Amino acid sequence: MSAEAGAGDFVDRARRGWAQARPDLDVASIEVVGRIARIGALANHRTERHLAPEGLTRAEFDVLCTLARSGGPLRASEVTAATMLSGASTTKNADRLAKRGLIERLPWERDGRVVLMRLTARGEELVDQEFPRFLERDREMLAGLTLSEREQLAALLRKIALNAERPGD
């Protein structure tokens, strides 16, 4: 294979493969959606690797960050909605975080069957330590884009996100 034939990113190579295997299919959408998925997977992998020394998973970190930005305790269902985890996964992650003293559970005064979650001081310290590092890794991925390009990309991705978040899909 020539150097030119192997040029491009993963999606370029996948597109060339599909053009050979199924030339009858229009695979142009993977130019965008495939890259979004690939970048998301790579970013998640990088985050998992950097959180491992703290004994945290990406899902646990998402729960901690959701609670950190909430401004107060949240019901498990609110954490589930914000993180896009399943209810069972939210419960499992909350159990692990509570055992480590990073979150605490409180009864909800309106309904004794509902439990609220909030960060402990240790949880806040961990988010304060790790979230700036998370943001720095994001900035590294965006290196090479101008401010105008980042703003344009964010606006375009927002349009796609709104389509993806439409009910009924």
C-alpha atoms as a PDB file:
ATOM      1  CA  MET A   1       0.000   0.000   0.000  1.00  0.00           C
ATOM      2  CA  SER A   2       1.391   3.415  -0.908  1.00  0.00           C
ATOM      3  CA  ALA A   3       1.844   6.107   1.734  1.00  0.00           C
ATOM      4  CA  GLU A   4      -0.920   8.121   0.094  1.00  0.00           C
ATOM      5  CA  ALA A   5      -3.369   5.192   0.264  1.00  0.00           C
ATOM      6  CA  GLY A   6      -2.803   4.971   4.038  1.00  0.00           C
ATOM      7  CA  ALA A   7      -3.067   8.733   4.579  1.00  0.00           C
ATOM      8  CA  GLY A   8      -5.723  10.270   6.733  1.00  0.00           C
ATOM      9  CA  ASP A   9      -7.320   9.355   9.998  1.00  0.00           C
ATOM     10  CA  PHE A  10      -9.209   6.241  11.035  1.00  0.00           C
ATOM     11  CA  VAL A  11     -12.453   7.476   9.438  1.00  0.00           C
ATOM     12  CA  ASP A  12     -10.728   8.201   6.119  1.00  0.00           C
ATOM     13  CA  ARG A  13      -9.394   4.642   6.093  1.00  0.00           C
ATOM     14  CA  ALA A  14     -12.792   3.211   7.054  1.00  0.00           C
ATOM     15  CA  ARG A  15     -14.458   5.204   4.279  1.00  0.00           C
ATOM     16  CA  ARG A  16     -11.995   3.888   1.713  1.00  0.00           C
ATOM     17  CA  GLY A  17     -12.658   0.363   2.963  1.00  0.00           C
ATOM     18  CA  TRP A  18     -16.412   0.810   2.619  1.00  0.00           C
ATOM     19  CA  ALA A  19     -15.974   2.304  -0.849  1.00  0.00           C
ATOM     20  CA  GLN A  20     -14.270  -0.928  -1.883  1.00  0.00           C
ATOM     21  CA  ALA A  21     -16.523  -3.332   0.052  1.00  0.00           C
ATOM     22  CA  ARG A  22     -19.869  -1.614  -0.581  1.00  0.00           C
ATOM     23  CA  PRO A  23     -19.578   1.086  -3.263  1.00  0.00           C
ATOM     24  CA  ASP A  24     -23.394   1.156  -3.431  1.00  0.00           C
ATOM     25  CA  LEU A  25     -23.676   2.731   0.061  1.00  0.00           C
ATOM     26  CA  ASP A  26     -23.379   6.430   0.784  1.00  0.00           C
ATOM     27  CA  VAL A  27     -21.166   6.469   3.876  1.00  0.00           C
ATOM     28  CA  ALA A  28     -20.568  10.233   3.901  1.00  0.00           C
ATOM     29  CA  SER A  29     -22.215  10.566   7.331  1.00  0.00           C
ATOM     30  CA  ILE A  30     -19.285   8.805   8.981  1.00  0.00           C
ATOM     31  CA  GLU A  31     -17.154  11.824   8.052  1.00  0.00           C
ATOM     32  CA  VAL A  32     -18.901  13.562  10.961  1.00  0.00           C
ATOM     33  CA  VAL A  33     -20.683  10.972  13.108  1.00  0.00           C
ATOM     34  CA  GLY A  34     -17.866   8.447  12.864  1.00  0.00           C
ATOM     35  CA  ARG A  35     -15.365  11.079  13.920  1.00  0.00           C
ATOM     36  CA  ILE A  36     -17.549  12.234  16.799  1.00  0.00           C
ATOM     37  CA  ALA A  37     -17.804   8.640  18.043  1.00  0.00           C
ATOM     38  CA  ARG A  38     -14.082   7.989  17.547  1.00  0.00           C
ATOM     39  CA  ILE A  39     -13.026  11.195  19.308  1.00  0.00           C
ATOM     40  CA  GLY A  40     -15.447  10.435  22.156  1.00  0.00           C
ATOM     41  CA  ALA A  41     -14.063   6.925  22.567  1.00  0.00           C
ATOM     42  CA  LEU A  42     -10.462   8.168  22.515  1.00  0.00           C
ATOM     43  CA  ALA A  43     -11.244  10.951  24.995  1.00  0.00           C
ATOM     44  CA  ASN A  44     -13.000   8.493  27.318  1.00  0.00           C
ATOM     45  CA  HIS A  45     -10.070   6.082  27.132  1.00  0.00           C
ATOM     46  CA  ARG A  46      -7.626   8.886  27.926  1.00  0.00           C
ATOM     47  CA  THR A  47      -9.762  10.024  30.877  1.00  0.00           C
ATOM     48  CA  GLU A  48     -10.034   6.463  32.224  1.00  0.00           C
ATOM     49  CA  ARG A  49      -6.256   6.086  32.020  1.00  0.00           C
ATOM     50  CA  HIS A  50      -5.640   9.340  33.895  1.00  0.00           C
ATOM     51  CA  LEU A  51      -8.244   8.597  36.583  1.00  0.00           C
ATOM     52  CA  ALA A  52      -6.976   5.069  37.256  1.00  0.00           C
ATOM     53  CA  PRO A  53      -4.306   6.180  39.765  1.00  0.00           C
ATOM     54  CA  GLU A  54      -7.107   7.778  41.807  1.00  0.00           C
ATOM     55  CA  GLY A  55      -9.058   4.515  41.671  1.00  0.00           C
ATOM     56  CA  LEU A  56     -11.867   6.162  39.712  1.00  0.00           C
ATOM     57  CA  THR A  57     -13.697   5.187  36.558  1.00  0.00           C
ATOM     58  CA  ARG A  58     -14.990   7.701  34.024  1.00  0.00           C
ATOM     59  CA  ALA A  59     -18.567   6.949  35.121  1.00  0.00           C
ATOM     60  CA  GLU A  60     -17.702   7.625  38.768  1.00  0.00           C
ATOM     61  CA  PHE A  61     -15.962  10.855  37.766  1.00  0.00           C
ATOM     62  CA  ASP A  62     -19.073  11.893  35.808  1.00  0.00           C
ATOM     63  CA  VAL A  63     -21.202  11.320  38.929  1.00  0.00           C
ATOM     64  CA  LEU A  64     -18.799  13.393  41.029  1.00  0.00           C
ATOM     65  CA  CYS A  65     -18.731  16.211  38.458  1.00  0.00           C
ATOM     66  CA  THR A  66     -22.525  16.201  38.149  1.00  0.00           C
ATOM     67  CA  LEU A  67     -22.827  16.625  41.899  1.00  0.00           C
ATOM     68  CA  ALA A  68     -20.048  19.253  41.959  1.00  0.00           C
ATOM     69  CA  ARG A  69     -21.827  21.520  39.494  1.00  0.00           C
ATOM     70  CA  SER A  70     -25.344  20.939  40.813  1.00  0.00           C
ATOM     71  CA  GLY A  71     -25.262  23.518  43.569  1.00  0.00           C
ATOM     72  CA  GLY A  72     -26.852  21.085  46.001  1.00  0.00           C
ATOM     73  CA  PRO A  73     -27.925  17.495  46.588  1.00  0.00           C
ATOM     74  CA  LEU A  74     -29.504  15.579  43.704  1.00  0.00           C
ATOM     75  CA  ARG A  75     -31.859  12.621  43.473  1.00  0.00           C
ATOM     76  CA  ALA A  76     -30.382   9.523  41.871  1.00  0.00           C
ATOM     77  CA  SER A  77     -32.763   9.978  38.923  1.00  0.00           C
ATOM     78  CA  GLU A  78     -31.330  13.466  38.328  1.00  0.00           C
ATOM     79  CA  VAL A  79     -27.788  12.098  38.353  1.00  0.00           C
ATOM     80  CA  THR A  80     -28.868   9.342  35.956  1.00  0.00           C
ATOM     81  CA  ALA A  81     -30.405  11.884  33.562  1.00  0.00           C
ATOM     82  CA  ALA A  82     -27.341  14.138  33.669  1.00  0.00           C
ATOM     83  CA  THR A  83     -24.762  11.376  33.198  1.00  0.00           C
ATOM     84  CA  MET A  84     -26.753   9.193  30.785  1.00  0.00           C
ATOM     85  CA  LEU A  85     -25.870   6.168  32.915  1.00  0.00           C
ATOM     86  CA  SER A  86     -28.505   3.537  33.609  1.00  0.00           C
ATOM     87  CA  GLY A  87     -30.273   3.690  36.960  1.00  0.00           C
ATOM     88  CA  ALA A  88     -28.497   0.510  38.036  1.00  0.00           C
ATOM     89  CA  SER A  89     -25.123   1.955  37.035  1.00  0.00           C
ATOM     90  CA  THR A  90     -25.838   5.167  38.936  1.00  0.00           C
ATOM     91  CA  THR A  91     -26.635   3.117  42.040  1.00  0.00           C
ATOM     92  CA  LYS A  92     -23.513   0.958  41.641  1.00  0.00           C
ATOM     93  CA  ASN A  93     -21.269   3.986  41.141  1.00  0.00           C
ATOM     94  CA  ALA A  94     -22.889   5.831  44.055  1.00  0.00           C
ATOM     95  CA  ASP A  95     -22.312   2.804  46.302  1.00  0.00           C
ATOM     96  CA  ARG A  96     -18.607   2.735  45.440  1.00  0.00           C
ATOM     97  CA  LEU A  97     -18.249   6.506  45.868  1.00  0.00           C
ATOM     98  CA  ALA A  98     -20.065   6.462  49.205  1.00  0.00           C
ATOM     99  CA  LYS A  99     -17.839   3.631  50.493  1.00  0.00           C
ATOM    100  CA  ARG A 100     -14.808   5.764  49.617  1.00  0.00           C
ATOM    101  CA  GLY A 101     -16.283   8.757  51.439  1.00  0.00           C
ATOM    102  CA  LEU A 102     -16.580  10.855  48.270  1.00  0.00           C
ATOM    103  CA  ILE A 103     -20.360  11.256  48.359  1.00  0.00           C
ATOM    104  CA  GLU A 104     -23.009  10.905  51.017  1.00  0.00           C
ATOM    105  CA  ARG A 105     -26.632   9.920  50.840  1.00  0.00           C
ATOM    106  CA  LEU A 106     -29.327  11.912  52.588  1.00  0.00           C
ATOM    107  CA  PRO A 107     -33.045  11.293  53.060  1.00  0.00           C
ATOM    108  CA  TRP A 108     -35.298  13.625  51.064  1.00  0.00           C
ATOM    109  CA  GLU A 109     -37.711  15.406  53.368  1.00  0.00           C
ATOM    110  CA  ARG A 110     -40.505  15.425  50.744  1.00  0.00           C
ATOM    111  CA  ASP A 111     -40.452  11.658  50.238  1.00  0.00           C
ATOM    112  CA  GLY A 112     -38.712   9.256  52.593  1.00  0.00           C
ATOM    113  CA  ARG A 113     -38.312   6.697  49.801  1.00  0.00           C
ATOM    114  CA  VAL A 114     -36.094   9.051  47.827  1.00  0.00           C
ATOM    115  CA  VAL A 115     -32.411   9.419  48.610  1.00  0.00           C
ATOM    116  CA  LEU A 116     -30.375  12.481  47.756  1.00  0.00           C
ATOM    117  CA  MET A 117     -26.683  12.440  46.932  1.00  0.00           C
ATOM    118  CA  ARG A 118     -24.116  15.141  47.549  1.00  0.00           C
ATOM    119  CA  LEU A 119     -20.359  15.470  47.523  1.00  0.00           C
ATOM    120  CA  THR A 120     -18.410  15.225  50.751  1.00  0.00           C
ATOM    121  CA  ALA A 121     -15.436  17.499  51.399  1.00  0.00           C
ATOM    122  CA  ARG A 122     -13.186  14.665  50.139  1.00  0.00           C
ATOM    123  CA  GLY A 123     -15.269  14.411  46.972  1.00  0.00           C
ATOM    124  CA  GLU A 124     -15.015  18.164  46.393  1.00  0.00           C
ATOM    125  CA  GLU A 125     -11.228  18.011  46.857  1.00  0.00           C
ATOM    126  CA  LEU A 126     -10.956  15.204  44.320  1.00  0.00           C
ATOM    127  CA  VAL A 127     -13.038  17.077  41.737  1.00  0.00           C
ATOM    128  CA  ASP A 128     -11.022  20.254  42.401  1.00  0.00           C
ATOM    129  CA  GLN A 129      -7.852  18.242  41.750  1.00  0.00           C
ATOM    130  CA  GLU A 130      -8.964  16.220  38.711  1.00  0.00           C
ATOM    131  CA  PHE A 131     -11.361  18.474  36.795  1.00  0.00           C
ATOM    132  CA  PRO A 132      -8.680  21.052  35.833  1.00  0.00           C
ATOM    133  CA  ARG A 133      -6.554  18.143  34.540  1.00  0.00           C
ATOM    134  CA  PHE A 134      -9.549  16.903  32.545  1.00  0.00           C
ATOM    135  CA  LEU A 135      -9.959  20.367  31.000  1.00  0.00           C
ATOM    136  CA  GLU A 136      -6.266  20.495  30.130  1.00  0.00           C
ATOM    137  CA  ARG A 137      -6.563  17.206  28.217  1.00  0.00           C
ATOM    138  CA  ASP A 138      -9.523  18.699  26.316  1.00  0.00           C
ATOM    139  CA  ARG A 139      -7.428  21.760  25.441  1.00  0.00           C
ATOM    140  CA  GLU A 140      -4.649  19.481  24.184  1.00  0.00           C
ATOM    141  CA  MET A 141      -7.086  17.760  21.811  1.00  0.00           C
ATOM    142  CA  LEU A 142      -8.188  21.149  20.470  1.00  0.00           C
ATOM    143  CA  ALA A 143      -4.633  22.385  19.934  1.00  0.00           C
ATOM    144  CA  GLY A 144      -4.168  23.778  16.461  1.00  0.00           C
ATOM    145  CA  LEU A 145      -7.687  25.198  16.216  1.00  0.00           C
ATOM    146  CA  THR A 146      -8.124  28.948  16.380  1.00  0.00           C
ATOM    147  CA  LEU A 147     -10.667  30.479  18.735  1.00  0.00           C
ATOM    148  CA  SER A 148     -12.917  31.136  15.734  1.00  0.00           C
ATOM    149  CA  GLU A 149     -12.624  27.513  14.583  1.00  0.00           C
ATOM    150  CA  ARG A 150     -13.420  26.220  18.094  1.00  0.00           C
ATOM    151  CA  GLU A 151     -16.486  28.472  18.278  1.00  0.00           C
ATOM    152  CA  GLN A 152     -17.648  27.370  14.826  1.00  0.00           C
ATOM    153  CA  LEU A 153     -17.099  23.706  15.675  1.00  0.00           C
ATOM    154  CA  ALA A 154     -18.977  24.098  18.969  1.00  0.00           C
ATOM    155  CA  ALA A 155     -21.918  25.722  17.166  1.00  0.00           C
ATOM    156  CA  LEU A 156     -22.063  22.957  14.555  1.00  0.00           C
ATOM    157  CA  LEU A 157     -21.771  20.196  17.156  1.00  0.00           C
ATOM    158  CA  ARG A 158     -24.558  21.868  19.174  1.00  0.00           C
ATOM    159  CA  LYS A 159     -26.854  21.500  16.131  1.00  0.00           C
ATOM    160  CA  ILE A 160     -26.009  17.807  15.867  1.00  0.00           C
ATOM    161  CA  ALA A 161     -26.467  17.329  19.635  1.00  0.00           C
ATOM    162  CA  LEU A 162     -29.911  18.937  19.503  1.00  0.00           C
ATOM    163  CA  ASN A 163     -30.897  16.544  16.703  1.00  0.00           C
ATOM    164  CA  ALA A 164     -29.516  13.584  18.661  1.00  0.00           C
ATOM    165  CA  GLU A 165     -31.312  14.642  21.863  1.00  0.00           C
ATOM    166  CA  ARG A 166     -34.720  14.923  20.190  1.00  0.00           C
ATOM    167  CA  PRO A 167     -37.292  12.741  21.941  1.00  0.00           C
ATOM    168  CA  GLY A 168     -38.458   9.630  20.169  1.00  0.00           C
ATOM    169  CA  ASP A 169     -35.139   8.464  18.798  1.00  0.00           C
END
